[in-house]
Amino acid sequence: MAEFDLILRGGTVVTEADTTRCDVGIRNGKIVALADDLGTAAAEVIDATGKWILPGGIDSHVHLSQPSGPGIKMADDFETGTRSAAFGGNTMVLPFCLQQKGQSLREALKHYHAEADGRCYTDVSFHLIISDPSEQLLGQELPALVQDGYTSFKVFMTYEDLRLSDLELLQVMDVGRSTGALVMVHAENHDAIRFLTERLEREGRTAPRHHATSRPIAVEREATHRAISLAEIVDVPVMIVHVSNREAIEEIRRGRQKGLKIFGETCPQYLVLTESDLDGLNMEGAKYVCSPPPRDQESQDACWQGIEDGTFDVYSSDHCPFRYEDAAGKLAPNGRTSFRWIPNGIPGIATRLPILFSEGVVKGRISPQRFVALTSTNHARAYGLYPRKGTIAIGADADIAIWDPARTVTITHDLLHDGCDYTPYEGMEITGWPITTIVRGVTVVLDGELVSNKPQGTYIPRELSEFVSRPVMLS
């Protein structure tokens, strides 16, 4: 009888802490051995000579099968979204469960679990989006759900149907404080966006490029400052998500200098895109409409600095896909009348890791260990999954991505295997590519080909975040 179900031979294992040349032995979905030479006593052996063996990516900011308004449909469900994630070297994703007005969280979760059950190629867990913080939700439902393993929730400071008042933000944050859950904040000032949008429309400036005009840096900076101030009042840790510019980054740094537990996330669109991408002829700019929007080169440089110096704890995709050639997507009829109606979000679940590897590791901006921390380990620590997920260690789930660090690839949409019909990163030259993805010991993608007979990912309940209890790290 074989000692292992799978051996990965001859590769270089990279974790958040070190780099080691060793074999990896896997049995019953777990990593059970790390040694110089494990031989061949396995049901399956994968030769990883010359390759890097990394913890599978964890994308903790993903939107799948999310209601998006009348006549609008998201491009990815759980099957296509997690399949694309696996091709991009990810072994787990954390989509959002959206509570709609008047809906209980348990009702929303029942719908999302039904959407995900039996359809995921990676493991999944859910963040909760709180849009209707009733007394019953705050006092009973939300604390009970944290106990059940839904240990993070997101609040919005913009979007008419999602934004919370400052009082409501304080109330939700207070539940985070009492339960130990991590609060995530989308920080943009809704009233400022509304004011600017209405003024732009009166002036006839309605093309996609004015989506960025309506959401200037000051809109994000003010909301980031306010979110941190509210968190200080409640004394609760918060994660500021999809940060796009220096001014918002400086707010995070100031909060940390005061000893507050403020954490930060950025995304690939803020590292490699700019607002000029929204300038395309006709409706081409709609492909890049997301919030916050891509900024200028100075903001891009600032986000890279935040990646390098530790200001950002996690790097996520904010995958929010809509088809372009589709009246239920980016070319929705109302979107032609004003940018405000263009479905808001871009795809990126499969390109997140290759972009950071190529632009960060290959170009010498970050180490391979920092890459692992930003894309996997810190996500596991932040969202109650470590050490089961996010590392290569004995006893951890065998969630692994094998990378060819020298492979050069030109990004084209056909490589991504999602439900969308475009990628905002089309034509980008990449060095370093994930070629094999293993989820809990099951090979899902092998040498760039889908080999899993059916989706075998599962839902994972989570513990409380390490970020809530650990000392704040000043950088």
Protein backbone atom coordinates (compact mmCIF):
# COMPACT_ATOMS: atom_id res chain seq x y z
CA MET A 1 0.00 0.00 0.00
CA ALA A 2 1.32 3.46 -0.96
CA GLU A 3 2.51 5.56 1.96
CA PHE A 4 1.16 8.76 0.39
CA ASP A 5 -1.70 9.67 -1.91
CA LEU A 6 0.49 12.25 -3.66
CA ILE A 7 4.11 13.31 -3.60
CA LEU A 8 5.37 16.56 -5.07
CA ARG A 9 9.00 15.88 -5.95
CA GLY A 10 11.98 18.10 -6.53
CA GLY A 11 10.38 21.52 -6.13
CA THR A 12 11.27 24.60 -4.11
CA VAL A 13 8.77 25.16 -1.30
CA VAL A 14 8.10 28.82 -0.54
CA THR A 15 6.14 29.93 2.54
CA GLU A 16 5.66 33.31 4.15
CA ALA A 17 8.75 32.64 6.28
CA ASP A 18 11.30 30.74 4.22
CA THR A 19 12.30 28.88 1.07
CA THR A 20 13.34 25.20 1.11
CA ARG A 21 14.08 22.56 -1.51
CA CYS A 22 12.06 19.54 -0.38
CA ASP A 23 9.43 16.99 -1.35
CA VAL A 24 5.86 17.30 -0.10
CA GLY A 25 3.91 14.22 0.97
CA ILE A 26 0.11 14.35 1.00
CA ARG A 27 -2.37 11.90 2.52
CA ASN A 28 -6.12 12.23 3.10
CA GLY A 29 -6.09 15.83 1.93
CA LYS A 30 -3.42 16.94 4.41
CA ILE A 31 0.28 17.67 4.21
CA VAL A 32 1.89 14.88 6.23
CA ALA A 33 5.57 14.99 5.27
CA LEU A 34 8.23 17.49 4.19
CA ALA A 35 11.61 15.93 3.48
CA ASP A 36 14.60 16.00 1.15
CA ASP A 37 13.55 12.77 -0.58
CA LEU A 38 10.25 11.01 0.00
CA GLY A 39 10.89 8.46 -2.73
CA THR A 40 7.99 7.37 -4.92
CA ALA A 41 5.76 5.46 -2.49
CA ALA A 42 2.61 7.27 -3.57
CA ALA A 43 -0.46 6.66 -5.68
CA GLU A 44 0.58 9.71 -7.70
CA VAL A 45 3.84 11.61 -8.09
CA ILE A 46 4.13 15.08 -9.65
CA ASP A 47 7.60 16.12 -10.75
CA ALA A 48 8.09 19.73 -9.63
CA THR A 49 11.77 19.99 -10.54
CA GLY A 50 12.62 23.58 -11.39
CA LYS A 51 9.22 24.75 -10.14
CA TRP A 52 8.06 26.59 -7.04
CA ILE A 53 5.59 24.98 -4.62
CA LEU A 54 3.50 27.70 -2.93
CA PRO A 55 0.47 27.72 -0.64
CA GLY A 56 -2.61 28.02 -2.81
CA GLY A 57 -3.85 31.56 -3.19
CA ILE A 58 -6.71 32.74 -0.98
CA ASP A 59 -8.74 35.50 -2.61
CA SER A 60 -10.68 37.11 0.22
CA HIS A 61 -12.55 39.73 -1.83
CA VAL A 62 -14.74 38.13 -4.48
CA HIS A 63 -18.28 38.65 -5.78
CA LEU A 64 -20.06 35.64 -7.32
CA SER A 65 -23.74 35.12 -8.18
CA GLN A 66 -24.54 38.42 -6.47
CA PRO A 67 -27.81 40.24 -7.20
CA SER A 68 -26.89 43.33 -9.22
CA GLY A 69 -30.08 45.23 -9.92
CA PRO A 70 -32.96 44.96 -12.39
CA GLY A 71 -31.90 43.55 -15.76
CA ILE A 72 -28.25 43.13 -14.71
CA LYS A 73 -26.60 39.74 -14.26
CA MET A 74 -23.18 38.94 -12.85
CA ALA A 75 -21.02 36.99 -15.30
CA ASP A 76 -19.69 34.38 -12.87
CA ASP A 77 -21.54 31.88 -10.75
CA PHE A 78 -19.75 29.66 -8.25
CA GLU A 79 -18.80 27.08 -10.84
CA THR A 80 -17.23 29.41 -13.40
CA GLY A 81 -15.77 31.75 -10.80
CA THR A 82 -14.02 29.06 -8.76
CA ARG A 83 -12.86 27.28 -11.91
CA SER A 84 -11.19 30.48 -13.05
CA ALA A 85 -9.75 30.97 -9.57
CA ALA A 86 -8.17 27.51 -9.72
CA PHE A 87 -6.57 28.27 -13.09
CA GLY A 88 -5.07 31.35 -11.42
CA GLY A 89 -3.41 29.34 -8.64
CA ASN A 90 -6.10 29.88 -5.99
CA THR A 91 -7.38 27.14 -3.71
CA MET A 92 -9.92 29.16 -1.71
CA VAL A 93 -12.11 32.20 -2.29
CA LEU A 94 -14.24 34.23 0.09
CA PRO A 95 -17.28 35.67 -1.73
CA PHE A 96 -19.74 38.05 -0.14
CA CYS A 97 -23.22 37.07 0.96
CA LEU A 98 -25.36 40.16 0.28
CA GLN A 99 -28.23 40.92 2.61
CA GLN A 100 -30.88 42.80 0.66
CA LYS A 101 -33.17 45.29 2.37
CA GLY A 102 -35.83 43.53 4.41
CA GLN A 103 -34.04 40.17 4.17
CA SER A 104 -32.64 38.24 7.10
CA LEU A 105 -29.01 37.19 6.97
CA ARG A 106 -29.94 33.54 7.38
CA GLU A 107 -32.29 33.81 4.42
CA ALA A 108 -29.49 35.35 2.34
CA LEU A 109 -27.05 32.65 3.45
CA LYS A 110 -29.50 29.91 2.54
CA HIS A 111 -29.58 31.28 -1.01
CA TYR A 112 -25.78 31.56 -1.30
CA HIS A 113 -25.15 28.10 0.09
CA ALA A 114 -27.62 26.70 -2.43
CA GLU A 115 -25.80 28.54 -5.23
CA ALA A 116 -22.42 27.21 -4.10
CA ASP A 117 -23.23 23.66 -3.02
CA GLY A 118 -21.58 21.09 -5.28
CA ARG A 119 -20.43 23.71 -7.80
CA CYS A 120 -17.07 24.91 -6.46
CA TYR A 121 -13.64 23.92 -7.75
CA THR A 122 -11.98 25.67 -4.78
CA ASP A 123 -12.99 25.83 -1.15
CA VAL A 124 -15.20 28.77 -0.18
CA SER A 125 -16.36 30.71 2.85
CA PHE A 126 -18.65 33.72 3.09
CA HIS A 127 -18.30 37.27 4.37
CA LEU A 128 -21.61 38.91 5.33
CA ILE A 129 -22.67 42.23 3.77
CA ILE A 130 -24.81 44.15 6.26
CA SER A 131 -27.27 46.46 4.49
CA ASP A 132 -30.22 46.43 6.90
CA PRO A 133 -28.94 46.50 10.50
CA SER A 134 -32.21 46.04 12.36
CA GLU A 135 -32.36 45.68 16.10
CA GLN A 136 -33.03 41.95 15.72
CA LEU A 137 -30.07 41.50 13.36
CA LEU A 138 -27.68 43.40 15.61
CA GLY A 139 -28.83 41.85 18.86
CA GLN A 140 -29.46 38.26 17.86
CA GLU A 141 -28.86 37.16 14.28
CA LEU A 142 -25.39 38.57 13.66
CA PRO A 143 -23.84 37.44 16.97
CA ALA A 144 -25.26 33.94 16.42
CA LEU A 145 -23.83 33.78 12.91
CA VAL A 146 -20.38 34.77 14.16
CA GLN A 147 -20.62 31.82 16.55
CA ASP A 148 -21.50 29.64 13.54
CA GLY A 149 -18.25 30.55 11.76
CA TYR A 150 -19.23 33.62 9.71
CA THR A 151 -16.55 35.71 11.40
CA SER A 152 -16.27 38.73 9.11
CA PHE A 153 -18.72 41.23 7.73
CA LYS A 154 -18.62 44.17 5.36
CA VAL A 155 -20.23 47.57 5.55
CA PHE A 156 -20.60 50.14 2.78
CA MET A 157 -20.34 53.92 2.99
CA THR A 158 -21.74 54.33 -0.54
CA TYR A 159 -24.35 52.83 -2.94
CA GLU A 160 -27.96 53.80 -2.29
CA ASP A 161 -29.17 50.31 -1.35
CA LEU A 162 -26.12 49.37 0.72
CA ARG A 163 -24.75 52.42 2.52
CA LEU A 164 -25.11 52.75 6.25
CA SER A 165 -25.39 55.95 8.26
CA ASP A 166 -22.65 56.76 10.73
CA LEU A 167 -24.94 55.58 13.53
CA GLU A 168 -25.51 52.27 11.77
CA LEU A 169 -21.79 51.90 11.09
CA LEU A 170 -21.11 52.40 14.80
CA GLN A 171 -23.76 49.83 15.71
CA VAL A 172 -22.35 47.20 13.36
CA MET A 173 -18.81 47.91 14.50
CA ASP A 174 -19.98 47.46 18.09
CA VAL A 175 -21.19 43.95 17.22
CA GLY A 176 -17.77 43.30 15.73
CA ARG A 177 -16.20 44.43 18.99
CA SER A 178 -18.44 42.26 21.18
CA THR A 179 -18.15 39.12 19.03
CA GLY A 180 -14.53 39.36 17.82
CA ALA A 181 -15.54 39.47 14.16
CA LEU A 182 -13.47 41.48 11.66
CA VAL A 183 -15.28 44.44 10.10
CA MET A 184 -14.46 45.27 6.46
CA VAL A 185 -15.23 48.77 5.16
CA HIS A 186 -15.88 50.05 1.64
CA ALA A 187 -14.82 53.64 2.19
CA GLU A 188 -16.28 56.19 -0.25
CA ASN A 189 -18.44 59.22 0.62
CA HIS A 190 -21.86 58.58 -0.91
CA ASP A 191 -23.21 62.13 -0.74
CA ALA A 192 -20.10 63.55 -2.40
CA ILE A 193 -20.39 61.00 -5.21
CA ARG A 194 -24.06 61.82 -5.66
CA PHE A 195 -23.34 65.56 -5.75
CA LEU A 196 -20.59 65.16 -8.36
CA THR A 197 -22.58 62.68 -10.45
CA GLU A 198 -25.60 64.98 -10.67
CA ARG A 199 -23.40 67.93 -11.60
CA LEU A 200 -21.59 65.94 -14.30
CA GLU A 201 -24.89 64.78 -15.77
CA ARG A 202 -26.21 68.36 -15.88
CA GLU A 203 -23.05 69.29 -17.81
CA GLY A 204 -23.56 66.41 -20.25
CA ARG A 205 -20.39 64.62 -19.08
CA THR A 206 -21.83 61.12 -19.00
CA ALA A 207 -19.22 58.95 -20.80
CA PRO A 208 -17.62 56.04 -18.89
CA ARG A 209 -14.48 58.07 -18.17
CA HIS A 210 -16.51 60.35 -15.90
CA HIS A 211 -17.14 57.48 -13.53
CA ALA A 212 -13.64 58.27 -12.27
CA THR A 213 -14.36 62.02 -12.26
CA SER A 214 -17.34 61.41 -9.96
CA ARG A 215 -15.22 59.49 -7.45
CA PRO A 216 -12.05 61.56 -6.91
CA ILE A 217 -9.41 60.70 -4.35
CA ALA A 218 -10.92 63.07 -1.78
CA VAL A 219 -14.11 60.96 -1.74
CA GLU A 220 -12.12 57.91 -0.67
CA ARG A 221 -9.77 59.78 1.66
CA GLU A 222 -12.60 61.40 3.62
CA ALA A 223 -14.48 58.14 4.04
CA THR A 224 -11.33 56.29 5.06
CA HIS A 225 -10.64 58.94 7.72
CA ARG A 226 -14.24 58.75 8.94
CA ALA A 227 -14.27 54.94 9.04
CA ILE A 228 -11.07 54.93 11.09
CA SER A 229 -12.46 57.60 13.42
CA LEU A 230 -15.63 55.58 13.99
CA ALA A 231 -13.54 52.45 14.61
CA GLU A 232 -11.51 54.42 17.17
CA ILE A 233 -14.69 55.48 18.95
CA VAL A 234 -15.89 51.87 19.18
CA ASP A 235 -12.38 50.49 19.75
CA VAL A 236 -12.69 47.83 17.05
CA PRO A 237 -10.24 46.60 14.38
CA VAL A 238 -11.25 47.28 10.77
CA MET A 239 -10.03 46.27 7.34
CA ILE A 240 -10.18 49.09 4.77
CA VAL A 241 -10.71 47.29 1.48
CA HIS A 242 -9.61 48.06 -2.09
CA VAL A 243 -7.45 51.08 -1.24
CA SER A 244 -6.42 52.97 -4.36
CA ASN A 245 -4.29 56.02 -3.49
CA ARG A 246 -1.67 57.67 -1.28
CA GLU A 247 -4.07 59.85 0.70
CA ALA A 248 -6.14 56.86 1.89
CA ILE A 249 -2.94 54.94 2.62
CA GLU A 250 -1.73 57.84 4.78
CA GLU A 251 -4.97 57.69 6.78
CA ILE A 252 -4.28 54.02 7.52
CA ARG A 253 -0.72 54.80 8.56
CA ARG A 254 -1.86 57.60 10.86
CA GLY A 255 -4.38 55.29 12.49
CA ARG A 256 -1.68 52.70 13.13
CA GLN A 257 0.67 55.31 14.55
CA LYS A 258 -2.02 56.01 17.14
CA GLY A 259 -2.01 52.33 18.05
CA LEU A 260 -5.29 51.50 16.31
CA LYS A 261 -5.79 48.13 14.64
CA ILE A 262 -6.33 49.33 11.08
CA PHE A 263 -5.62 46.92 8.25
CA GLY A 264 -5.42 47.53 4.52
CA GLU A 265 -6.16 45.74 1.26
CA THR A 266 -5.33 46.69 -2.30
CA CYS A 267 -6.02 45.09 -5.67
CA PRO A 268 -4.30 44.61 -9.07
CA GLN A 269 -6.32 47.33 -10.77
CA TYR A 270 -4.60 49.91 -8.56
CA LEU A 271 -1.15 48.55 -9.38
CA VAL A 272 -1.31 48.29 -13.19
CA LEU A 273 -4.33 50.27 -14.47
CA THR A 274 -4.95 54.02 -14.47
CA GLU A 275 -7.97 56.26 -15.01
CA SER A 276 -6.86 56.79 -18.63
CA ASP A 277 -8.04 53.22 -19.32
CA LEU A 278 -11.60 54.53 -19.00
CA ASP A 279 -11.04 56.83 -22.00
CA GLY A 280 -11.79 54.19 -24.66
CA LEU A 281 -13.92 55.12 -27.65
CA ASN A 282 -17.65 54.50 -27.54
CA MET A 283 -18.29 52.29 -24.50
CA GLU A 284 -14.87 50.60 -24.31
CA GLY A 285 -14.14 52.51 -21.12
CA ALA A 286 -16.98 50.63 -19.43
CA LYS A 287 -14.68 47.62 -19.22
CA TYR A 288 -12.71 49.44 -16.52
CA VAL A 289 -15.55 50.87 -14.44
CA CYS A 290 -15.05 49.78 -10.84
CA SER A 291 -15.07 51.49 -7.46
CA PRO A 292 -12.85 53.01 -6.36
CA PRO A 293 -11.71 53.66 -9.92
CA PRO A 294 -8.11 53.24 -11.10
CA ARG A 295 -6.20 56.43 -10.35
CA ASP A 296 -3.08 58.11 -11.75
CA GLN A 297 0.55 57.04 -11.89
CA GLU A 298 1.36 58.71 -8.57
CA SER A 299 -1.38 56.72 -6.87
CA GLN A 300 -0.14 53.55 -8.55
CA ASP A 301 3.36 54.20 -7.19
CA ALA A 302 1.94 54.80 -3.71
CA CYS A 303 0.06 51.50 -3.78
CA TRP A 304 3.25 49.70 -4.76
CA GLN A 305 4.98 51.38 -1.84
CA GLY A 306 2.22 50.12 0.44
CA ILE A 307 2.72 46.61 -0.94
CA GLU A 308 6.46 46.82 -0.31
CA ASP A 309 6.52 48.43 3.13
CA GLY A 310 3.80 46.38 4.81
CA THR A 311 1.01 48.97 4.90
CA PHE A 312 -1.13 46.53 2.95
CA ASP A 313 -1.82 43.30 4.77
CA VAL A 314 -3.66 41.55 1.95
CA TYR A 315 -3.91 41.74 -1.81
CA SER A 316 -7.24 40.65 -3.32
CA SER A 317 -8.91 40.76 -6.73
CA ASP A 318 -12.27 42.40 -5.93
CA HIS A 319 -13.49 40.14 -8.74
CA CYS A 320 -16.88 41.57 -9.71
CA PRO A 321 -17.48 40.39 -13.30
CA PHE A 322 -19.98 41.56 -15.91
CA ARG A 323 -19.91 40.59 -19.55
CA TYR A 324 -19.10 43.41 -21.95
CA GLU A 325 -21.05 42.40 -25.06
CA ASP A 326 -24.24 41.96 -23.12
CA ALA A 327 -27.28 44.13 -22.41
CA ALA A 328 -27.34 42.53 -18.95
CA GLY A 329 -23.70 43.58 -18.45
CA LYS A 330 -21.46 46.52 -19.29
CA LEU A 331 -23.57 47.49 -22.33
CA ALA A 332 -26.79 47.79 -20.34
CA PRO A 333 -29.00 50.31 -22.18
CA ASN A 334 -29.11 52.78 -19.29
CA GLY A 335 -25.32 52.79 -19.17
CA ARG A 336 -25.25 54.52 -22.54
CA THR A 337 -27.16 57.44 -21.03
CA SER A 338 -24.84 57.90 -18.03
CA PHE A 339 -21.84 56.27 -16.40
CA ARG A 340 -23.86 55.97 -13.19
CA TRP A 341 -25.81 53.04 -14.70
CA ILE A 342 -22.83 51.03 -15.96
CA PRO A 343 -22.53 47.82 -13.87
CA ASN A 344 -19.77 48.52 -11.40
CA GLY A 345 -16.90 46.02 -11.21
CA ILE A 346 -14.26 44.19 -13.22
CA PRO A 347 -13.05 40.58 -13.46
CA GLY A 348 -9.70 39.52 -12.03
CA ILE A 349 -9.92 36.28 -10.06
CA ALA A 350 -7.48 34.39 -12.34
CA THR A 351 -5.06 37.25 -13.02
CA ARG A 352 -4.56 38.48 -9.44
CA LEU A 353 -1.62 36.22 -8.61
CA PRO A 354 0.26 36.30 -11.94
CA ILE A 355 0.16 40.11 -12.02
CA LEU A 356 1.69 40.45 -8.55
CA PHE A 357 4.22 37.69 -9.20
CA SER A 358 5.38 39.23 -12.47
CA GLU A 359 5.29 42.89 -11.44
CA GLY A 360 6.34 42.29 -7.83
CA VAL A 361 8.57 39.23 -7.45
CA VAL A 362 10.14 39.09 -10.91
CA LYS A 363 10.84 42.84 -10.95
CA GLY A 364 12.38 42.74 -7.48
CA ARG A 365 9.80 44.85 -5.67
CA ILE A 366 8.90 42.10 -3.17
CA SER A 367 10.36 38.79 -2.07
CA PRO A 368 8.73 35.44 -2.81
CA GLN A 369 7.94 35.19 0.91
CA ARG A 370 6.15 38.56 0.89
CA PHE A 371 4.22 37.38 -2.17
CA VAL A 372 2.99 34.34 -0.24
CA ALA A 373 2.02 36.48 2.75
CA LEU A 374 0.09 39.00 0.65
CA THR A 375 -1.75 36.41 -1.45
CA SER A 376 -2.38 33.56 0.98
CA THR A 377 -1.03 33.49 4.54
CA ASN A 378 -2.27 36.91 5.65
CA HIS A 379 -5.73 36.16 4.24
CA ALA A 380 -5.81 32.98 6.32
CA ARG A 381 -4.70 34.89 9.43
CA ALA A 382 -7.13 37.75 8.82
CA TYR A 383 -10.18 35.59 8.28
CA GLY A 384 -9.82 32.74 10.78
CA LEU A 385 -8.35 30.04 8.53
CA TYR A 386 -4.74 29.76 9.74
CA PRO A 387 -2.94 27.34 10.11
CA ARG A 388 -5.37 25.03 8.32
CA LYS A 389 -5.01 27.24 5.23
CA GLY A 390 -2.38 29.64 3.94
CA THR A 391 0.83 27.71 4.56
CA ILE A 392 2.75 24.58 3.67
CA ALA A 393 3.26 22.75 6.97
CA ILE A 394 2.56 19.34 8.39
CA GLY A 395 -1.09 19.14 9.34
CA ALA A 396 -2.25 21.91 7.02
CA ASP A 397 -4.71 21.28 4.22
CA ALA A 398 -2.89 20.26 1.04
CA ASP A 399 -3.85 23.47 -0.78
CA ILE A 400 -0.96 24.03 -3.16
CA ALA A 401 -0.11 25.89 -6.37
CA ILE A 402 2.89 24.83 -8.43
CA TRP A 403 4.43 27.74 -10.29
CA ASP A 404 6.77 27.93 -13.25
CA PRO A 405 8.65 31.10 -12.26
CA ALA A 406 10.20 31.50 -15.70
CA ARG A 407 7.17 30.89 -17.90
CA THR A 408 6.21 33.91 -20.00
CA VAL A 409 2.57 34.40 -20.88
CA THR A 410 0.58 37.08 -22.68
CA ILE A 411 -2.74 37.44 -20.89
CA THR A 412 -5.67 36.71 -23.15
CA HIS A 413 -9.21 36.07 -22.03
CA ASP A 414 -9.26 32.50 -23.33
CA LEU A 415 -6.66 31.53 -20.69
CA LEU A 416 -8.91 32.50 -17.79
CA HIS A 417 -11.86 30.05 -18.02
CA ASP A 418 -14.37 32.39 -16.39
CA GLY A 419 -17.90 33.37 -17.35
CA CYS A 420 -16.92 36.83 -18.57
CA ASP A 421 -16.10 37.77 -22.17
CA TYR A 422 -13.10 40.05 -21.60
CA THR A 423 -10.23 40.82 -19.24
CA PRO A 424 -9.07 44.36 -18.42
CA TYR A 425 -5.52 42.98 -18.54
CA GLU A 426 -5.67 41.73 -22.16
CA GLY A 427 -2.23 41.75 -23.79
CA MET A 428 -0.25 42.18 -20.58
CA GLU A 429 3.07 40.34 -20.64
CA ILE A 430 3.60 38.14 -17.58
CA THR A 431 6.60 36.23 -16.27
CA GLY A 432 5.74 33.46 -13.83
CA TRP A 433 2.56 31.40 -14.08
CA PRO A 434 0.69 28.86 -11.93
CA ILE A 435 0.57 25.56 -13.82
CA THR A 436 -0.91 23.11 -11.28
CA THR A 437 -3.47 23.68 -8.52
CA ILE A 438 -4.23 21.16 -5.77
CA VAL A 439 -7.17 21.61 -3.37
CA ARG A 440 -7.06 19.49 -0.21
CA GLY A 441 -4.91 16.94 -2.01
CA VAL A 442 -7.08 16.75 -5.14
CA THR A 443 -5.43 17.94 -8.35
CA VAL A 444 -7.83 20.36 -10.01
CA VAL A 445 -5.56 21.88 -12.68
CA LEU A 446 -2.53 19.94 -13.96
CA ASP A 447 -0.06 21.50 -16.38
CA GLY A 448 -2.64 24.11 -17.35
CA GLU A 449 -5.48 21.65 -17.96
CA LEU A 450 -8.63 21.09 -15.90
CA VAL A 451 -8.41 17.49 -14.68
CA SER A 452 -10.95 17.40 -11.86
CA ASN A 453 -13.94 15.33 -12.98
CA LYS A 454 -16.34 17.50 -11.01
CA PRO A 455 -16.20 20.41 -8.58
CA GLN A 456 -15.00 19.11 -5.20
CA GLY A 457 -14.52 22.32 -3.25
CA THR A 458 -16.38 22.69 0.03
CA TYR A 459 -17.65 25.36 2.39
CA ILE A 460 -15.27 26.10 5.28
CA PRO A 461 -16.56 27.66 8.54
CA ARG A 462 -14.00 29.98 10.13
CA GLU A 463 -12.51 30.81 13.51
CA LEU A 464 -12.05 34.38 14.73
CA SER A 465 -9.49 36.56 12.99
CA GLU A 466 -5.92 36.66 14.30
CA PHE A 467 -5.91 40.31 13.21
CA VAL A 468 -8.46 41.14 15.89
CA SER A 469 -6.36 39.83 18.77
CA ARG A 470 -2.78 40.39 17.59
CA PRO A 471 -0.83 43.59 18.35
CA VAL A 472 -0.93 46.16 15.56
CA MET A 473 2.23 46.10 13.42
CA LEU A 474 3.67 49.52 12.68
CA SER A 475 5.50 49.83 9.36
